[in-house]
Amino acid sequence: ITICAVLISTLFSSCAEDELDGCGLTVVVKDAKNPSKKYGNATVNISKESGSVKRTGKTDEANGEAYFFFDNEAILDIFVTHVSEDEMPVTRTGKSTVRLKHGEVVVKDVLIQL
């Protein structure tokens, strides 16, 4: 009986802690010519033309990543803009599409160029 109780409590606690109730998305912004170069402080816009789902975020300086969470599965468009902070600013853009899956964190690379 003790073994059974331990097994059942372990199963329920691990399910509750590990499941993601929704859809996570990590967007990684990279240079199209040199994908090992990541861009921090890029603006990431996520939307669907015909829908009301819209999110905007900025990539972090350390990893060039932006993080988002959605309640439902969806196929969404990603638009990225990065403006350099040089004396003569350079704007790089990129776009992609992503499919979100319930209970998962999807990592999507978006390549940007001039």
C-alpha atoms as a PDB file:
ATOM      1  CA  ILE A   1       0.000   0.000   0.000  1.00  0.00           C
ATOM      2  CA  THR A   2       2.850   2.387   0.818  1.00  0.00           C
ATOM      3  CA  ILE A   3       4.562   1.732  -2.510  1.00  0.00           C
ATOM      4  CA  CYS A   4       1.295   2.317  -4.371  1.00  0.00           C
ATOM      5  CA  ALA A   5       0.700   5.645  -2.589  1.00  0.00           C
ATOM      6  CA  VAL A   6       4.240   6.841  -3.363  1.00  0.00           C
ATOM      7  CA  LEU A   7       3.903   5.919  -7.045  1.00  0.00           C
ATOM      8  CA  ILE A   8       0.540   7.653  -7.411  1.00  0.00           C
ATOM      9  CA  SER A   9       1.670  10.857  -5.663  1.00  0.00           C
ATOM     10  CA  THR A  10       4.844  10.940  -7.811  1.00  0.00           C
ATOM     11  CA  LEU A  11       2.841  10.592 -11.024  1.00  0.00           C
ATOM     12  CA  PHE A  12       0.409  13.406 -10.181  1.00  0.00           C
ATOM     13  CA  SER A  13       3.047  15.827  -8.919  1.00  0.00           C
ATOM     14  CA  SER A  14       5.304  15.358 -11.958  1.00  0.00           C
ATOM     15  CA  CYS A  15       2.403  15.863 -14.380  1.00  0.00           C
ATOM     16  CA  ALA A  16       1.292  19.065 -12.676  1.00  0.00           C
ATOM     17  CA  GLU A  17       4.779  20.576 -12.599  1.00  0.00           C
ATOM     18  CA  ASP A  18       5.964  19.605 -16.090  1.00  0.00           C
ATOM     19  CA  GLU A  19       2.945  20.428 -18.264  1.00  0.00           C
ATOM     20  CA  LEU A  20       2.739  23.788 -20.030  1.00  0.00           C
ATOM     21  CA  ASP A  21      -0.864  24.993 -20.167  1.00  0.00           C
ATOM     22  CA  GLY A  22      -0.627  26.877 -23.443  1.00  0.00           C
ATOM     23  CA  CYS A  23       1.989  27.468 -26.132  1.00  0.00           C
ATOM     24  CA  GLY A  24       5.448  28.931 -25.602  1.00  0.00           C
ATOM     25  CA  LEU A  25       7.498  30.593 -28.324  1.00  0.00           C
ATOM     26  CA  THR A  26      11.140  31.630 -28.322  1.00  0.00           C
ATOM     27  CA  VAL A  27      12.216  33.744 -31.318  1.00  0.00           C
ATOM     28  CA  VAL A  28      15.972  33.839 -31.998  1.00  0.00           C
ATOM     29  CA  VAL A  29      17.099  36.667 -34.301  1.00  0.00           C
ATOM     30  CA  LYS A  30      20.174  35.860 -36.415  1.00  0.00           C
ATOM     31  CA  ASP A  31      22.132  37.408 -39.269  1.00  0.00           C
ATOM     32  CA  ALA A  32      21.226  35.864 -42.657  1.00  0.00           C
ATOM     33  CA  LYS A  33      24.856  35.879 -43.855  1.00  0.00           C
ATOM     34  CA  ASN A  34      26.359  34.788 -40.546  1.00  0.00           C
ATOM     35  CA  PRO A  35      23.788  32.750 -38.534  1.00  0.00           C
ATOM     36  CA  SER A  36      26.137  32.476 -35.564  1.00  0.00           C
ATOM     37  CA  LYS A  37      25.646  36.250 -35.018  1.00  0.00           C
ATOM     38  CA  LYS A  38      22.565  37.022 -32.920  1.00  0.00           C
ATOM     39  CA  TYR A  39      20.916  40.432 -32.571  1.00  0.00           C
ATOM     40  CA  GLY A  40      19.827  41.889 -29.259  1.00  0.00           C
ATOM     41  CA  ASN A  41      17.363  44.775 -29.011  1.00  0.00           C
ATOM     42  CA  ALA A  42      15.492  43.706 -32.161  1.00  0.00           C
ATOM     43  CA  THR A  43      11.748  44.346 -32.299  1.00  0.00           C
ATOM     44  CA  VAL A  44       9.704  41.181 -32.797  1.00  0.00           C
ATOM     45  CA  ASN A  45       6.075  41.488 -33.936  1.00  0.00           C
ATOM     46  CA  ILE A  46       3.895  38.388 -33.967  1.00  0.00           C
ATOM     47  CA  SER A  47       0.446  38.439 -35.526  1.00  0.00           C
ATOM     48  CA  LYS A  48      -2.049  36.850 -37.846  1.00  0.00           C
ATOM     49  CA  GLU A  49      -3.492  39.019 -40.620  1.00  0.00           C
ATOM     50  CA  SER A  50      -7.097  37.955 -40.149  1.00  0.00           C
ATOM     51  CA  GLY A  51      -6.980  37.495 -36.390  1.00  0.00           C
ATOM     52  CA  SER A  52      -6.786  39.478 -33.232  1.00  0.00           C
ATOM     53  CA  VAL A  53      -3.644  37.764 -31.929  1.00  0.00           C
ATOM     54  CA  LYS A  54      -0.817  40.300 -31.702  1.00  0.00           C
ATOM     55  CA  ARG A  55       2.300  40.423 -29.559  1.00  0.00           C
ATOM     56  CA  THR A  56       5.362  42.660 -29.612  1.00  0.00           C
ATOM     57  CA  GLY A  57       8.632  42.135 -27.799  1.00  0.00           C
ATOM     58  CA  LYS A  58      12.354  42.870 -27.825  1.00  0.00           C
ATOM     59  CA  THR A  59      15.192  40.389 -28.025  1.00  0.00           C
ATOM     60  CA  ASP A  60      17.551  40.269 -25.073  1.00  0.00           C
ATOM     61  CA  GLU A  61      21.120  41.495 -25.501  1.00  0.00           C
ATOM     62  CA  ALA A  62      22.746  38.293 -24.264  1.00  0.00           C
ATOM     63  CA  ASN A  63      21.110  35.719 -26.581  1.00  0.00           C
ATOM     64  CA  GLY A  64      19.146  37.613 -29.237  1.00  0.00           C
ATOM     65  CA  GLU A  65      15.995  35.872 -27.974  1.00  0.00           C
ATOM     66  CA  ALA A  66      12.446  37.077 -27.335  1.00  0.00           C
ATOM     67  CA  TYR A  67       9.932  35.040 -25.349  1.00  0.00           C
ATOM     68  CA  PHE A  68       6.168  34.802 -25.815  1.00  0.00           C
ATOM     69  CA  PHE A  69       3.240  32.788 -24.449  1.00  0.00           C
ATOM     70  CA  PHE A  70      -0.114  32.065 -26.108  1.00  0.00           C
ATOM     71  CA  ASP A  71      -3.194  30.318 -24.755  1.00  0.00           C
ATOM     72  CA  ASN A  72      -4.037  28.391 -27.944  1.00  0.00           C
ATOM     73  CA  GLU A  73      -2.381  26.644 -30.857  1.00  0.00           C
ATOM     74  CA  ALA A  74      -2.033  28.806 -33.964  1.00  0.00           C
ATOM     75  CA  ILE A  75      -0.040  29.480 -37.106  1.00  0.00           C
ATOM     76  CA  LEU A  76       1.400  32.987 -36.803  1.00  0.00           C
ATOM     77  CA  ASP A  77       3.571  35.388 -38.777  1.00  0.00           C
ATOM     78  CA  ILE A  78       6.763  36.791 -37.277  1.00  0.00           C
ATOM     79  CA  PHE A  79       8.210  40.131 -38.401  1.00  0.00           C
ATOM     80  CA  VAL A  80      11.563  41.326 -37.057  1.00  0.00           C
ATOM     81  CA  THR A  81      13.246  44.739 -37.316  1.00  0.00           C
ATOM     82  CA  HIS A  82      16.662  45.663 -35.986  1.00  0.00           C
ATOM     83  CA  VAL A  83      18.054  49.181 -36.216  1.00  0.00           C
ATOM     84  CA  SER A  84      21.753  49.501 -35.414  1.00  0.00           C
ATOM     85  CA  GLU A  85      22.824  52.184 -32.973  1.00  0.00           C
ATOM     86  CA  ASP A  86      25.710  53.328 -35.168  1.00  0.00           C
ATOM     87  CA  GLU A  87      26.324  56.903 -36.276  1.00  0.00           C
ATOM     88  CA  MET A  88      24.547  55.984 -39.525  1.00  0.00           C
ATOM     89  CA  PRO A  89      21.791  53.543 -38.451  1.00  0.00           C
ATOM     90  CA  VAL A  90      21.264  50.429 -40.562  1.00  0.00           C
ATOM     91  CA  THR A  91      17.896  48.681 -40.592  1.00  0.00           C
ATOM     92  CA  ARG A  92      17.733  44.917 -41.002  1.00  0.00           C
ATOM     93  CA  THR A  93      14.459  43.015 -41.376  1.00  0.00           C
ATOM     94  CA  GLY A  94      13.251  39.451 -41.582  1.00  0.00           C
ATOM     95  CA  LYS A  95      10.086  37.421 -41.428  1.00  0.00           C
ATOM     96  CA  SER A  96       8.960  33.874 -40.858  1.00  0.00           C
ATOM     97  CA  THR A  97       5.965  31.752 -39.907  1.00  0.00           C
ATOM     98  CA  VAL A  98       5.585  29.506 -36.875  1.00  0.00           C
ATOM     99  CA  ARG A  99       3.155  26.829 -35.759  1.00  0.00           C
ATOM    100  CA  LEU A 100       2.478  26.830 -32.042  1.00  0.00           C
ATOM    101  CA  LYS A 101       1.750  23.516 -30.322  1.00  0.00           C
ATOM    102  CA  HIS A 102      -0.116  23.151 -27.053  1.00  0.00           C
ATOM    103  CA  GLY A 103       2.099  22.121 -24.167  1.00  0.00           C
ATOM    104  CA  GLU A 104       5.332  22.904 -26.038  1.00  0.00           C
ATOM    105  CA  VAL A 105       7.856  25.709 -26.336  1.00  0.00           C
ATOM    106  CA  VAL A 106       8.700  26.193 -30.014  1.00  0.00           C
ATOM    107  CA  VAL A 107      12.081  27.769 -30.834  1.00  0.00           C
ATOM    108  CA  LYS A 108      12.052  29.657 -34.139  1.00  0.00           C
ATOM    109  CA  ASP A 109      15.106  31.241 -35.795  1.00  0.00           C
ATOM    110  CA  VAL A 110      14.413  34.352 -37.867  1.00  0.00           C
ATOM    111  CA  LEU A 111      17.164  35.476 -40.238  1.00  0.00           C
ATOM    112  CA  ILE A 112      17.459  39.215 -40.861  1.00  0.00           C
ATOM    113  CA  GLN A 113      19.237  41.098 -43.644  1.00  0.00           C
ATOM    114  CA  LEU A 114      19.538  44.574 -45.163  1.00  0.00           C
END
